[in-house]
Amino acid sequence: MQKVKDFKWTKNSKTENLVDALGNVGFQSIELKKAVDNVIKMKKNGAKIFLTFTSNMVTSGLRGFFAQLIRLGIPDVIVTTVGGLEEDIMKSQGTDFIVGDFNSDDLELNEKGINRVGNLYIPNESYIKFEDLMKPMLTEVYKKKQRITTSELLNELGSQLKDENSILYQAHKNKVPIFCPAITDGSMGFQLYMFQQDNPDFIVDVVKDFSNILFSVSQDDKKGIISLGGSISKHHAILAGVLNGGMDYAIYMTTARPTSGSMSGATTNEAKSWGKVKDDSDVVTVVGDVTINFPLMMTAALEKLSREGLINE
């Protein structure tokens, strides 16, 4: 029987020591420690890991951490939404986002050409630069291939970037496929539409990419998912899992509540009713802000994995 233990500060403590200590405190800190243990199990048992996240996490400073995790060999497959990929390209070109305020005067921001994501600001100039960049990037892709899947397109775009902190660049360099089933749901979608007006034979085949994500794993593979937030990125990965026997490991991090019936709030227990997660799987849900919980969890896991030589350092 596990007992509650008082938390105390320890001089020169590592992150893994912090999270281990939190694992005896209670409430969500217990789940955070379980999540670290789950990541270790995934890597030790050779599971193919799906990492899913929504675009707002790339708006934040997690973008470079995601890129670093790809370089270290943590995820085998990435599923995300298009806004984060647009912002990854913006940031790779030196664009800075600004820390603002949740209680901003949004009408004033609109007049100044500033878009707000929570307490982060994205200036309109960022999108103008992105749009100017996309046509020449797409032209280079078009020279190679006129009909292309979304994951192939994103790989080609990553090959044109030179930023070590770029998700697209690191995914291309380390041969990690990025799936984005809603590729048209953003500025990139509009740029693809405009490019296709001049090049009608340019086709982005989303349906073909569905087979690609299905065949990225098999029934025999151990499969794990680290899902940050929810939406289509979470569902697309676990759908690939259910069609391949279900996930063996699952870590959900979310602020959403299950009472709404949404994908973002859907629990690992609910996933078992669909067969998306196996009955005997190792699962954990951590409720709270991903910008806090994910760096704590992954840093603690990386310290343990590094000591055992299980990451690509």
C-alpha atoms as a PDB file:
ATOM      1  CA  MET A   1       0.000   0.000   0.000  1.00  0.00           C
ATOM      2  CA  GLN A   2       1.444   3.342  -1.092  1.00  0.00           C
ATOM      3  CA  LYS A   3       1.591   5.993   1.614  1.00  0.00           C
ATOM      4  CA  VAL A   4       1.388   9.756   1.230  1.00  0.00           C
ATOM      5  CA  LYS A   5       4.735  11.397   1.928  1.00  0.00           C
ATOM      6  CA  ASP A   6       5.511  15.030   2.612  1.00  0.00           C
ATOM      7  CA  PHE A   7       7.312  16.835  -0.180  1.00  0.00           C
ATOM      8  CA  LYS A   8      10.539  18.590   0.710  1.00  0.00           C
ATOM      9  CA  TRP A   9      13.073  20.552  -1.293  1.00  0.00           C
ATOM     10  CA  THR A  10      16.432  18.855  -1.808  1.00  0.00           C
ATOM     11  CA  LYS A  11      19.504  20.824  -2.819  1.00  0.00           C
ATOM     12  CA  ASN A  12      20.898  20.016  -6.296  1.00  0.00           C
ATOM     13  CA  SER A  13      17.916  17.769  -7.037  1.00  0.00           C
ATOM     14  CA  LYS A  14      17.312  16.633 -10.625  1.00  0.00           C
ATOM     15  CA  THR A  15      13.943  16.775 -12.347  1.00  0.00           C
ATOM     16  CA  GLU A  16      13.504  13.022 -12.018  1.00  0.00           C
ATOM     17  CA  ASN A  17      13.995  13.329  -8.246  1.00  0.00           C
ATOM     18  CA  LEU A  18      11.389  16.103  -8.157  1.00  0.00           C
ATOM     19  CA  VAL A  19       8.823  14.064 -10.083  1.00  0.00           C
ATOM     20  CA  ASP A  20       9.596  10.914  -8.065  1.00  0.00           C
ATOM     21  CA  ALA A  21       8.922  12.883  -4.882  1.00  0.00           C
ATOM     22  CA  LEU A  22       5.724  14.323  -6.330  1.00  0.00           C
ATOM     23  CA  GLY A  23       4.633  10.742  -6.967  1.00  0.00           C
ATOM     24  CA  ASN A  24       3.918  10.391  -3.248  1.00  0.00           C
ATOM     25  CA  VAL A  25       2.149  13.713  -2.720  1.00  0.00           C
ATOM     26  CA  GLY A  26      -1.293  13.007  -4.149  1.00  0.00           C
ATOM     27  CA  PHE A  27      -3.865  14.093  -6.732  1.00  0.00           C
ATOM     28  CA  GLN A  28      -2.411  14.859 -10.198  1.00  0.00           C
ATOM     29  CA  SER A  29       1.203  14.621  -9.023  1.00  0.00           C
ATOM     30  CA  ILE A  30       0.646  10.852  -8.640  1.00  0.00           C
ATOM     31  CA  GLU A  31      -0.521  10.649 -12.255  1.00  0.00           C
ATOM     32  CA  LEU A  32       2.468  12.686 -13.430  1.00  0.00           C
ATOM     33  CA  LYS A  33       4.844  10.139 -11.903  1.00  0.00           C
ATOM     34  CA  LYS A  34       2.836   7.303 -13.499  1.00  0.00           C
ATOM     35  CA  ALA A  35       3.224   9.038 -16.874  1.00  0.00           C
ATOM     36  CA  VAL A  36       7.022   9.073 -16.489  1.00  0.00           C
ATOM     37  CA  ASP A  37       6.988   5.363 -15.689  1.00  0.00           C
ATOM     38  CA  ASN A  38       4.801   4.765 -18.737  1.00  0.00           C
ATOM     39  CA  VAL A  39       7.265   6.495 -21.068  1.00  0.00           C
ATOM     40  CA  ILE A  40      10.077   4.316 -19.661  1.00  0.00           C
ATOM     41  CA  LYS A  41       8.020   1.170 -20.280  1.00  0.00           C
ATOM     42  CA  MET A  42       7.308   2.235 -23.870  1.00  0.00           C
ATOM     43  CA  LYS A  43      10.990   2.688 -24.657  1.00  0.00           C
ATOM     44  CA  LYS A  44      12.221  -0.411 -22.773  1.00  0.00           C
ATOM     45  CA  ASN A  45       9.645  -2.631 -24.493  1.00  0.00           C
ATOM     46  CA  GLY A  46      10.365  -1.235 -27.961  1.00  0.00           C
ATOM     47  CA  ALA A  47       6.927   0.268 -28.490  1.00  0.00           C
ATOM     48  CA  LYS A  48       6.292   2.434 -31.527  1.00  0.00           C
ATOM     49  CA  ILE A  49       5.328   5.778 -30.056  1.00  0.00           C
ATOM     50  CA  PHE A  50       2.767   8.180 -31.489  1.00  0.00           C
ATOM     51  CA  LEU A  51       3.229  11.763 -30.286  1.00  0.00           C
ATOM     52  CA  THR A  52       0.194  13.956 -30.889  1.00  0.00           C
ATOM     53  CA  PHE A  53      -0.264  17.633 -30.106  1.00  0.00           C
ATOM     54  CA  THR A  54      -2.392  20.584 -31.116  1.00  0.00           C
ATOM     55  CA  SER A  55      -1.125  23.738 -32.791  1.00  0.00           C
ATOM     56  CA  ASN A  56      -1.286  25.972 -29.714  1.00  0.00           C
ATOM     57  CA  MET A  57       1.553  23.969 -28.195  1.00  0.00           C
ATOM     58  CA  VAL A  58       3.803  25.001 -31.079  1.00  0.00           C
ATOM     59  CA  THR A  59       2.700  28.591 -30.546  1.00  0.00           C
ATOM     60  CA  SER A  60       4.234  28.188 -27.102  1.00  0.00           C
ATOM     61  CA  GLY A  61       7.861  27.460 -26.355  1.00  0.00           C
ATOM     62  CA  LEU A  62       7.321  23.683 -26.564  1.00  0.00           C
ATOM     63  CA  ARG A  63       8.123  23.761 -30.278  1.00  0.00           C
ATOM     64  CA  GLY A  64      11.883  23.388 -29.800  1.00  0.00           C
ATOM     65  CA  PHE A  65      11.341  20.641 -27.206  1.00  0.00           C
ATOM     66  CA  PHE A  66       9.261  18.634 -29.691  1.00  0.00           C
ATOM     67  CA  ALA A  67      12.067  18.996 -32.231  1.00  0.00           C
ATOM     68  CA  GLN A  68      14.607  17.873 -29.643  1.00  0.00           C
ATOM     69  CA  LEU A  69      12.521  14.802 -28.761  1.00  0.00           C
ATOM     70  CA  ILE A  70      12.470  13.815 -32.430  1.00  0.00           C
ATOM     71  CA  ARG A  71      16.263  14.098 -32.540  1.00  0.00           C
ATOM     72  CA  LEU A  72      16.559  12.004 -29.378  1.00  0.00           C
ATOM     73  CA  GLY A  73      14.456   9.248 -30.937  1.00  0.00           C
ATOM     74  CA  ILE A  74      11.360   9.432 -28.701  1.00  0.00           C
ATOM     75  CA  PRO A  75       8.455   9.526 -31.208  1.00  0.00           C
ATOM     76  CA  ASP A  76       8.182   7.193 -34.200  1.00  0.00           C
ATOM     77  CA  VAL A  77       5.100   8.915 -35.614  1.00  0.00           C
ATOM     78  CA  ILE A  78       3.757  12.455 -35.147  1.00  0.00           C
ATOM     79  CA  VAL A  79       0.166  13.567 -35.643  1.00  0.00           C
ATOM     80  CA  THR A  80      -0.704  17.237 -35.345  1.00  0.00           C
ATOM     81  CA  THR A  81      -2.805  20.077 -36.706  1.00  0.00           C
ATOM     82  CA  VAL A  82      -1.750  22.431 -39.468  1.00  0.00           C
ATOM     83  CA  GLY A  83      -1.512  25.641 -37.436  1.00  0.00           C
ATOM     84  CA  GLY A  84       1.499  24.329 -35.529  1.00  0.00           C
ATOM     85  CA  LEU A  85       3.271  23.398 -38.760  1.00  0.00           C
ATOM     86  CA  GLU A  86       2.666  26.877 -40.155  1.00  0.00           C
ATOM     87  CA  GLU A  87       4.085  28.378 -36.963  1.00  0.00           C
ATOM     88  CA  ASP A  88       7.025  25.969 -37.077  1.00  0.00           C
ATOM     89  CA  ILE A  89       7.910  27.377 -40.500  1.00  0.00           C
ATOM     90  CA  MET A  90       7.375  30.952 -39.277  1.00  0.00           C
ATOM     91  CA  LYS A  91       9.699  30.434 -36.319  1.00  0.00           C
ATOM     92  CA  SER A  92      12.291  28.710 -38.504  1.00  0.00           C
ATOM     93  CA  GLN A  93      12.525  31.987 -40.445  1.00  0.00           C
ATOM     94  CA  GLY A  94      13.265  34.001 -37.305  1.00  0.00           C
ATOM     95  CA  THR A  95       9.742  35.142 -36.429  1.00  0.00           C
ATOM     96  CA  ASP A  96       9.240  35.791 -32.711  1.00  0.00           C
ATOM     97  CA  PHE A  97       5.941  35.421 -30.894  1.00  0.00           C
ATOM     98  CA  ILE A  98       5.287  37.720 -27.956  1.00  0.00           C
ATOM     99  CA  VAL A  99       4.115  36.975 -24.411  1.00  0.00           C
ATOM    100  CA  GLY A 100       1.022  39.065 -23.794  1.00  0.00           C
ATOM    101  CA  ASP A 101      -1.940  38.864 -21.435  1.00  0.00           C
ATOM    102  CA  PHE A 102      -5.058  36.694 -21.164  1.00  0.00           C
ATOM    103  CA  ASN A 103      -7.024  39.862 -20.366  1.00  0.00           C
ATOM    104  CA  SER A 104      -5.921  41.878 -23.370  1.00  0.00           C
ATOM    105  CA  ASP A 105      -8.107  44.389 -25.160  1.00  0.00           C
ATOM    106  CA  ASP A 106      -8.775  42.227 -28.215  1.00  0.00           C
ATOM    107  CA  LEU A 107     -10.350  45.004 -30.282  1.00  0.00           C
ATOM    108  CA  GLU A 108      -7.189  47.044 -29.769  1.00  0.00           C
ATOM    109  CA  LEU A 109      -5.045  44.044 -30.726  1.00  0.00           C
ATOM    110  CA  ASN A 110      -7.081  43.610 -33.903  1.00  0.00           C
ATOM    111  CA  GLU A 111      -6.516  47.255 -34.830  1.00  0.00           C
ATOM    112  CA  LYS A 112      -2.778  46.723 -34.331  1.00  0.00           C
ATOM    113  CA  GLY A 113      -2.743  43.596 -36.498  1.00  0.00           C
ATOM    114  CA  ILE A 114      -2.030  41.227 -33.610  1.00  0.00           C
ATOM    115  CA  ASN A 115      -3.677  37.834 -33.158  1.00  0.00           C
ATOM    116  CA  ARG A 116      -4.015  36.380 -29.660  1.00  0.00           C
ATOM    117  CA  VAL A 117      -3.620  32.728 -28.649  1.00  0.00           C
ATOM    118  CA  GLY A 118      -4.297  32.690 -24.898  1.00  0.00           C
ATOM    119  CA  ASN A 119      -1.615  35.012 -23.535  1.00  0.00           C
ATOM    120  CA  LEU A 120       0.596  34.791 -26.642  1.00  0.00           C
ATOM    121  CA  TYR A 121       0.577  37.254 -29.551  1.00  0.00           C
ATOM    122  CA  ILE A 122       1.145  36.470 -33.239  1.00  0.00           C
ATOM    123  CA  PRO A 123       1.512  39.544 -35.485  1.00  0.00           C
ATOM    124  CA  ASN A 124      -0.112  39.586 -38.925  1.00  0.00           C
ATOM    125  CA  GLU A 125       3.363  40.094 -40.412  1.00  0.00           C
ATOM    126  CA  SER A 126       4.140  36.497 -39.454  1.00  0.00           C
ATOM    127  CA  TYR A 127       1.438  35.250 -41.802  1.00  0.00           C
ATOM    128  CA  ILE A 128       2.450  37.643 -44.563  1.00  0.00           C
ATOM    129  CA  LYS A 129       6.008  36.301 -44.441  1.00  0.00           C
ATOM    130  CA  PHE A 130       4.689  32.733 -44.321  1.00  0.00           C
ATOM    131  CA  GLU A 131       2.511  33.276 -47.390  1.00  0.00           C
ATOM    132  CA  ASP A 132       5.418  34.839 -49.295  1.00  0.00           C
ATOM    133  CA  LEU A 133       7.532  31.800 -48.422  1.00  0.00           C
ATOM    134  CA  MET A 134       5.033  29.088 -49.298  1.00  0.00           C
ATOM    135  CA  LYS A 135       4.829  29.580 -53.062  1.00  0.00           C
ATOM    136  CA  PRO A 136       8.558  29.047 -53.707  1.00  0.00           C
ATOM    137  CA  MET A 137       8.601  26.126 -51.247  1.00  0.00           C
ATOM    138  CA  LEU A 138       5.615  24.494 -52.948  1.00  0.00           C
ATOM    139  CA  THR A 139       7.194  25.133 -56.360  1.00  0.00           C
ATOM    140  CA  GLU A 140      10.219  23.080 -55.292  1.00  0.00           C
ATOM    141  CA  VAL A 141       7.915  20.275 -54.153  1.00  0.00           C
ATOM    142  CA  TYR A 142       5.947  20.447 -57.417  1.00  0.00           C
ATOM    143  CA  LYS A 143       9.125  20.030 -59.468  1.00  0.00           C
ATOM    144  CA  LYS A 144       9.650  16.650 -57.815  1.00  0.00           C
ATOM    145  CA  LYS A 145       6.110  15.358 -57.591  1.00  0.00           C
ATOM    146  CA  GLN A 146       2.685  16.560 -58.718  1.00  0.00           C
ATOM    147  CA  ARG A 147       0.592  14.088 -56.731  1.00  0.00           C
ATOM    148  CA  ILE A 148       1.738  13.757 -53.146  1.00  0.00           C
ATOM    149  CA  THR A 149       0.442  12.643 -49.767  1.00  0.00           C
ATOM    150  CA  THR A 150       0.278  15.071 -46.863  1.00  0.00           C
ATOM    151  CA  SER A 151       3.082  13.335 -44.953  1.00  0.00           C
ATOM    152  CA  GLU A 152       5.276  13.369 -48.076  1.00  0.00           C
ATOM    153  CA  LEU A 153       4.529  17.074 -48.555  1.00  0.00           C
ATOM    154  CA  LEU A 154       5.505  17.849 -44.964  1.00  0.00           C
ATOM    155  CA  ASN A 155       8.688  15.818 -45.351  1.00  0.00           C
ATOM    156  CA  GLU A 156       9.603  17.818 -48.463  1.00  0.00           C
ATOM    157  CA  LEU A 157       8.904  21.109 -46.681  1.00  0.00           C
ATOM    158  CA  GLY A 158      11.097  19.968 -43.805  1.00  0.00           C
ATOM    159  CA  SER A 159      13.923  19.248 -46.232  1.00  0.00           C
ATOM    160  CA  GLN A 160      13.938  22.936 -47.217  1.00  0.00           C
ATOM    161  CA  LEU A 161      14.377  24.192 -43.640  1.00  0.00           C
ATOM    162  CA  LYS A 162      17.710  24.514 -41.846  1.00  0.00           C
ATOM    163  CA  ASP A 163      16.601  25.171 -38.294  1.00  0.00           C
ATOM    164  CA  GLU A 164      17.651  22.575 -35.685  1.00  0.00           C
ATOM    165  CA  ASN A 165      14.693  23.705 -33.543  1.00  0.00           C
ATOM    166  CA  SER A 166      12.203  23.001 -36.318  1.00  0.00           C
ATOM    167  CA  ILE A 167       9.806  20.089 -35.954  1.00  0.00           C
ATOM    168  CA  LEU A 168       9.556  19.672 -39.728  1.00  0.00           C
ATOM    169  CA  TYR A 169      13.332  19.809 -40.171  1.00  0.00           C
ATOM    170  CA  GLN A 170      14.059  17.232 -37.447  1.00  0.00           C
ATOM    171  CA  ALA A 171      11.268  14.954 -38.669  1.00  0.00           C
ATOM    172  CA  HIS A 172      12.748  15.005 -42.183  1.00  0.00           C
ATOM    173  CA  LYS A 173      16.289  14.490 -40.902  1.00  0.00           C
ATOM    174  CA  ASN A 174      15.320  11.590 -38.624  1.00  0.00           C
ATOM    175  CA  LYS A 175      12.762   9.997 -40.945  1.00  0.00           C
ATOM    176  CA  VAL A 176       9.804  10.477 -38.600  1.00  0.00           C
ATOM    177  CA  PRO A 177       6.538  10.838 -40.550  1.00  0.00           C
ATOM    178  CA  ILE A 178       4.227  13.728 -39.672  1.00  0.00           C
ATOM    179  CA  PHE A 179       0.532  13.178 -40.348  1.00  0.00           C
ATOM    180  CA  CYS A 180      -1.838  16.123 -40.584  1.00  0.00           C
ATOM    181  CA  PRO A 181      -5.277  14.928 -41.722  1.00  0.00           C
ATOM    182  CA  ALA A 182      -6.758  18.455 -41.660  1.00  0.00           C
ATOM    183  CA  ILE A 183      -4.035  20.041 -43.809  1.00  0.00           C
ATOM    184  CA  THR A 184      -6.472  22.585 -45.289  1.00  0.00           C
ATOM    185  CA  ASP A 185      -7.625  23.926 -41.899  1.00  0.00           C
ATOM    186  CA  GLY A 186      -5.367  26.964 -41.813  1.00  0.00           C
ATOM    187  CA  SER A 187      -3.252  29.390 -43.771  1.00  0.00           C
ATOM    188  CA  MET A 188      -1.360  26.532 -45.390  1.00  0.00           C
ATOM    189  CA  GLY A 189      -4.631  25.186 -46.754  1.00  0.00           C
ATOM    190  CA  PHE A 190      -5.324  28.511 -48.429  1.00  0.00           C
ATOM    191  CA  GLN A 191      -1.817  28.556 -49.899  1.00  0.00           C
ATOM    192  CA  LEU A 192      -2.312  25.030 -51.254  1.00  0.00           C
ATOM    193  CA  TYR A 193      -5.597  26.156 -52.804  1.00  0.00           C
ATOM    194  CA  MET A 194      -3.973  29.187 -54.440  1.00  0.00           C
ATOM    195  CA  PHE A 195      -1.061  27.107 -55.725  1.00  0.00           C
ATOM    196  CA  GLN A 196      -3.460  24.581 -57.221  1.00  0.00           C
ATOM    197  CA  GLN A 197      -5.228  27.343 -59.183  1.00  0.00           C
ATOM    198  CA  ASP A 198      -2.006  27.840 -61.142  1.00  0.00           C
ATOM    199  CA  ASN A 199      -1.129  24.143 -61.141  1.00  0.00           C
ATOM    200  CA  PRO A 200      -4.336  22.087 -61.444  1.00  0.00           C
ATOM    201  CA  ASP A 201      -2.419  18.802 -61.570  1.00  0.00           C
ATOM    202  CA  PHE A 202      -0.986  19.403 -58.088  1.00  0.00           C
ATOM    203  CA  ILE A 203      -2.876  17.043 -55.771  1.00  0.00           C
ATOM    204  CA  VAL A 204      -2.383  16.516 -52.033  1.00  0.00           C
ATOM    205  CA  ASP A 205      -3.770  13.031 -51.430  1.00  0.00           C
ATOM    206  CA  VAL A 206      -5.163  12.911 -47.872  1.00  0.00           C
ATOM    207  CA  VAL A 207      -6.890   9.552 -48.361  1.00  0.00           C
ATOM    208  CA  LYS A 208      -3.662   7.821 -49.418  1.00  0.00           C
ATOM    209  CA  ASP A 209      -2.060   9.119 -46.226  1.00  0.00           C
ATOM    210  CA  PHE A 210      -4.662   7.222 -44.222  1.00  0.00           C
ATOM    211  CA  SER A 211      -3.152   3.967 -45.459  1.00  0.00           C
ATOM    212  CA  ASN A 212       0.318   5.324 -44.664  1.00  0.00           C
ATOM    213  CA  ILE A 213      -0.499   5.892 -40.996  1.00  0.00           C
ATOM    214  CA  LEU A 214      -2.211   2.502 -40.761  1.00  0.00           C
ATOM    215  CA  PHE A 215       0.852   0.738 -42.148  1.00  0.00           C
ATOM    216  CA  SER A 216       3.261   2.734 -39.982  1.00  0.00           C
ATOM    217  CA  VAL A 217       2.542   0.089 -37.308  1.00  0.00           C
ATOM    218  CA  SER A 218       1.232  -3.469 -37.327  1.00  0.00           C
ATOM    219  CA  GLN A 219      -0.873  -5.792 -35.198  1.00  0.00           C
ATOM    220  CA  ASP A 220       2.322  -7.348 -33.840  1.00  0.00           C
ATOM    221  CA  ASP A 221       3.978  -4.077 -32.801  1.00  0.00           C
ATOM    222  CA  LYS A 222       3.861  -2.781 -29.268  1.00  0.00           C
ATOM    223  CA  LYS A 223       2.168   0.596 -29.640  1.00  0.00           C
ATOM    224  CA  GLY A 224       2.082   3.636 -27.390  1.00  0.00           C
ATOM    225  CA  ILE A 225       0.614   7.111 -27.571  1.00  0.00           C
ATOM    226  CA  ILE A 226       1.533  10.351 -25.836  1.00  0.00           C
ATOM    227  CA  SER A 227      -1.423  12.618 -26.558  1.00  0.00           C
ATOM    228  CA  LEU A 228      -1.197  16.293 -25.650  1.00  0.00           C
ATOM    229  CA  GLY A 229      -4.564  17.975 -25.835  1.00  0.00           C
ATOM    230  CA  GLY A 230      -7.119  16.373 -28.099  1.00  0.00           C
ATOM    231  CA  SER A 231      -8.949  17.084 -31.335  1.00  0.00           C
ATOM    232  CA  ILE A 232      -8.228  15.390 -34.645  1.00  0.00           C
ATOM    233  CA  SER A 233      -4.555  14.796 -33.846  1.00  0.00           C
ATOM    234  CA  LYS A 234      -5.427  12.586 -30.870  1.00  0.00           C
ATOM    235  CA  HIS A 235      -8.216  10.740 -32.661  1.00  0.00           C
ATOM    236  CA  HIS A 236      -6.280  10.091 -35.860  1.00  0.00           C
ATOM    237  CA  ALA A 237      -3.528   8.330 -33.917  1.00  0.00           C
ATOM    238  CA  ILE A 238      -5.775   6.179 -31.754  1.00  0.00           C
ATOM    239  CA  LEU A 239      -7.863   5.321 -34.826  1.00  0.00           C
ATOM    240  CA  ALA A 240      -4.714   3.941 -36.416  1.00  0.00           C
ATOM    241  CA  GLY A 241      -4.197   2.075 -33.162  1.00  0.00           C
ATOM    242  CA  VAL A 242      -7.651   0.483 -33.063  1.00  0.00           C
ATOM    243  CA  LEU A 243      -7.271  -0.783 -36.624  1.00  0.00           C
ATOM    244  CA  ASN A 244      -4.008  -2.416 -35.525  1.00  0.00           C
ATOM    245  CA  GLY A 245      -5.243  -4.095 -32.349  1.00  0.00           C
ATOM    246  CA  GLY A 246      -5.271  -1.122 -29.955  1.00  0.00           C
ATOM    247  CA  MET A 247      -2.626   0.791 -28.018  1.00  0.00           C
ATOM    248  CA  ASP A 248      -0.555  -1.046 -25.402  1.00  0.00           C
ATOM    249  CA  TYR A 249       0.407   2.199 -23.650  1.00  0.00           C
ATOM    250  CA  ALA A 250      -1.350   5.545 -23.447  1.00  0.00           C
ATOM    251  CA  ILE A 251      -0.587   8.877 -21.809  1.00  0.00           C
ATOM    252  CA  TYR A 252      -3.220  11.577 -22.117  1.00  0.00           C
ATOM    253  CA  MET A 253      -2.508  15.139 -20.999  1.00  0.00           C
ATOM    254  CA  THR A 254      -5.466  17.483 -21.146  1.00  0.00           C
ATOM    255  CA  THR A 255      -7.401  20.265 -19.460  1.00  0.00           C
ATOM    256  CA  ALA A 256     -10.702  19.064 -20.984  1.00  0.00           C
ATOM    257  CA  ARG A 257     -13.420  17.322 -18.975  1.00  0.00           C
ATOM    258  CA  PRO A 258     -15.007  14.001 -19.986  1.00  0.00           C
ATOM    259  CA  THR A 259     -18.504  15.301 -19.214  1.00  0.00           C
ATOM    260  CA  SER A 260     -18.728  17.080 -22.595  1.00  0.00           C
ATOM    261  CA  GLY A 261     -18.317  13.867 -24.575  1.00  0.00           C
ATOM    262  CA  SER A 262     -15.513  15.475 -26.583  1.00  0.00           C
ATOM    263  CA  MET A 263     -12.433  13.761 -27.964  1.00  0.00           C
ATOM    264  CA  SER A 264     -10.251  16.141 -25.962  1.00  0.00           C
ATOM    265  CA  GLY A 265     -11.867  15.062 -22.697  1.00  0.00           C
ATOM    266  CA  ALA A 266     -12.295  11.377 -23.569  1.00  0.00           C
ATOM    267  CA  THR A 267     -10.532   9.187 -21.020  1.00  0.00           C
ATOM    268  CA  THR A 268      -8.407   6.105 -21.549  1.00  0.00           C
ATOM    269  CA  ASN A 269     -11.260   4.069 -20.046  1.00  0.00           C
ATOM    270  CA  GLU A 270     -13.626   5.405 -22.702  1.00  0.00           C
ATOM    271  CA  ALA A 271     -11.016   4.469 -25.316  1.00  0.00           C
ATOM    272  CA  LYS A 272     -11.165   0.863 -24.096  1.00  0.00           C
ATOM    273  CA  SER A 273     -14.852   0.709 -25.031  1.00  0.00           C
ATOM    274  CA  TRP A 274     -13.803   1.310 -28.652  1.00  0.00           C
ATOM    275  CA  GLY A 275     -10.793  -0.995 -28.563  1.00  0.00           C
ATOM    276  CA  LYS A 276      -8.523   1.982 -29.158  1.00  0.00           C
ATOM    277  CA  VAL A 277      -6.634   1.075 -26.005  1.00  0.00           C
ATOM    278  CA  LYS A 278      -6.218  -2.572 -25.002  1.00  0.00           C
ATOM    279  CA  ASP A 279      -7.989  -3.915 -21.925  1.00  0.00           C
ATOM    280  CA  ASP A 280      -4.688  -4.715 -20.197  1.00  0.00           C
ATOM    281  CA  SER A 281      -2.823  -1.619 -21.376  1.00  0.00           C
ATOM    282  CA  ASP A 282      -0.759   0.704 -19.190  1.00  0.00           C
ATOM    283  CA  VAL A 283      -2.649   3.988 -19.247  1.00  0.00           C
ATOM    284  CA  VAL A 284      -2.590   7.303 -17.403  1.00  0.00           C
ATOM    285  CA  THR A 285      -4.348  10.642 -17.757  1.00  0.00           C
ATOM    286  CA  VAL A 286      -2.743  13.796 -16.369  1.00  0.00           C
ATOM    287  CA  VAL A 287      -5.167  16.701 -16.039  1.00  0.00           C
ATOM    288  CA  GLY A 288      -3.535  20.111 -16.275  1.00  0.00           C
ATOM    289  CA  ASP A 289      -1.626  22.564 -18.450  1.00  0.00           C
ATOM    290  CA  VAL A 290       0.619  20.732 -20.915  1.00  0.00           C
ATOM    291  CA  THR A 291       3.165  23.581 -20.912  1.00  0.00           C
ATOM    292  CA  ILE A 292       3.859  22.662 -17.273  1.00  0.00           C
ATOM    293  CA  ASN A 293       3.210  18.933 -17.055  1.00  0.00           C
ATOM    294  CA  PHE A 294       4.793  17.765 -20.306  1.00  0.00           C
ATOM    295  CA  PRO A 295       8.251  19.320 -19.762  1.00  0.00           C
ATOM    296  CA  LEU A 296       8.300  17.956 -16.192  1.00  0.00           C
ATOM    297  CA  MET A 297       7.278  14.473 -17.313  1.00  0.00           C
ATOM    298  CA  MET A 298       9.564  14.249 -20.327  1.00  0.00           C
ATOM    299  CA  THR A 299      12.603  15.780 -18.647  1.00  0.00           C
ATOM    300  CA  ALA A 300      12.309  13.265 -15.802  1.00  0.00           C
ATOM    301  CA  ALA A 301      11.890  10.445 -18.337  1.00  0.00           C
ATOM    302  CA  LEU A 302      14.833  11.641 -20.433  1.00  0.00           C
ATOM    303  CA  GLU A 303      17.121  11.686 -17.392  1.00  0.00           C
ATOM    304  CA  LYS A 304      16.230   8.065 -16.669  1.00  0.00           C
ATOM    305  CA  LEU A 305      16.430   6.988 -20.332  1.00  0.00           C
ATOM    306  CA  SER A 306      19.765   8.748 -20.812  1.00  0.00           C
ATOM    307  CA  ARG A 307      21.264   6.891 -17.867  1.00  0.00           C
ATOM    308  CA  GLU A 308      20.195   3.594 -19.431  1.00  0.00           C
ATOM    309  CA  GLY A 309      21.334   4.513 -22.970  1.00  0.00           C
ATOM    310  CA  LEU A 310      17.834   4.435 -24.448  1.00  0.00           C
ATOM    311  CA  ILE A 311      17.895   7.749 -26.330  1.00  0.00           C
ATOM    312  CA  ASN A 312      19.889   8.955 -29.343  1.00  0.00           C
ATOM    313  CA  GLU A 313      22.334  11.320 -27.645  1.00  0.00           C
END
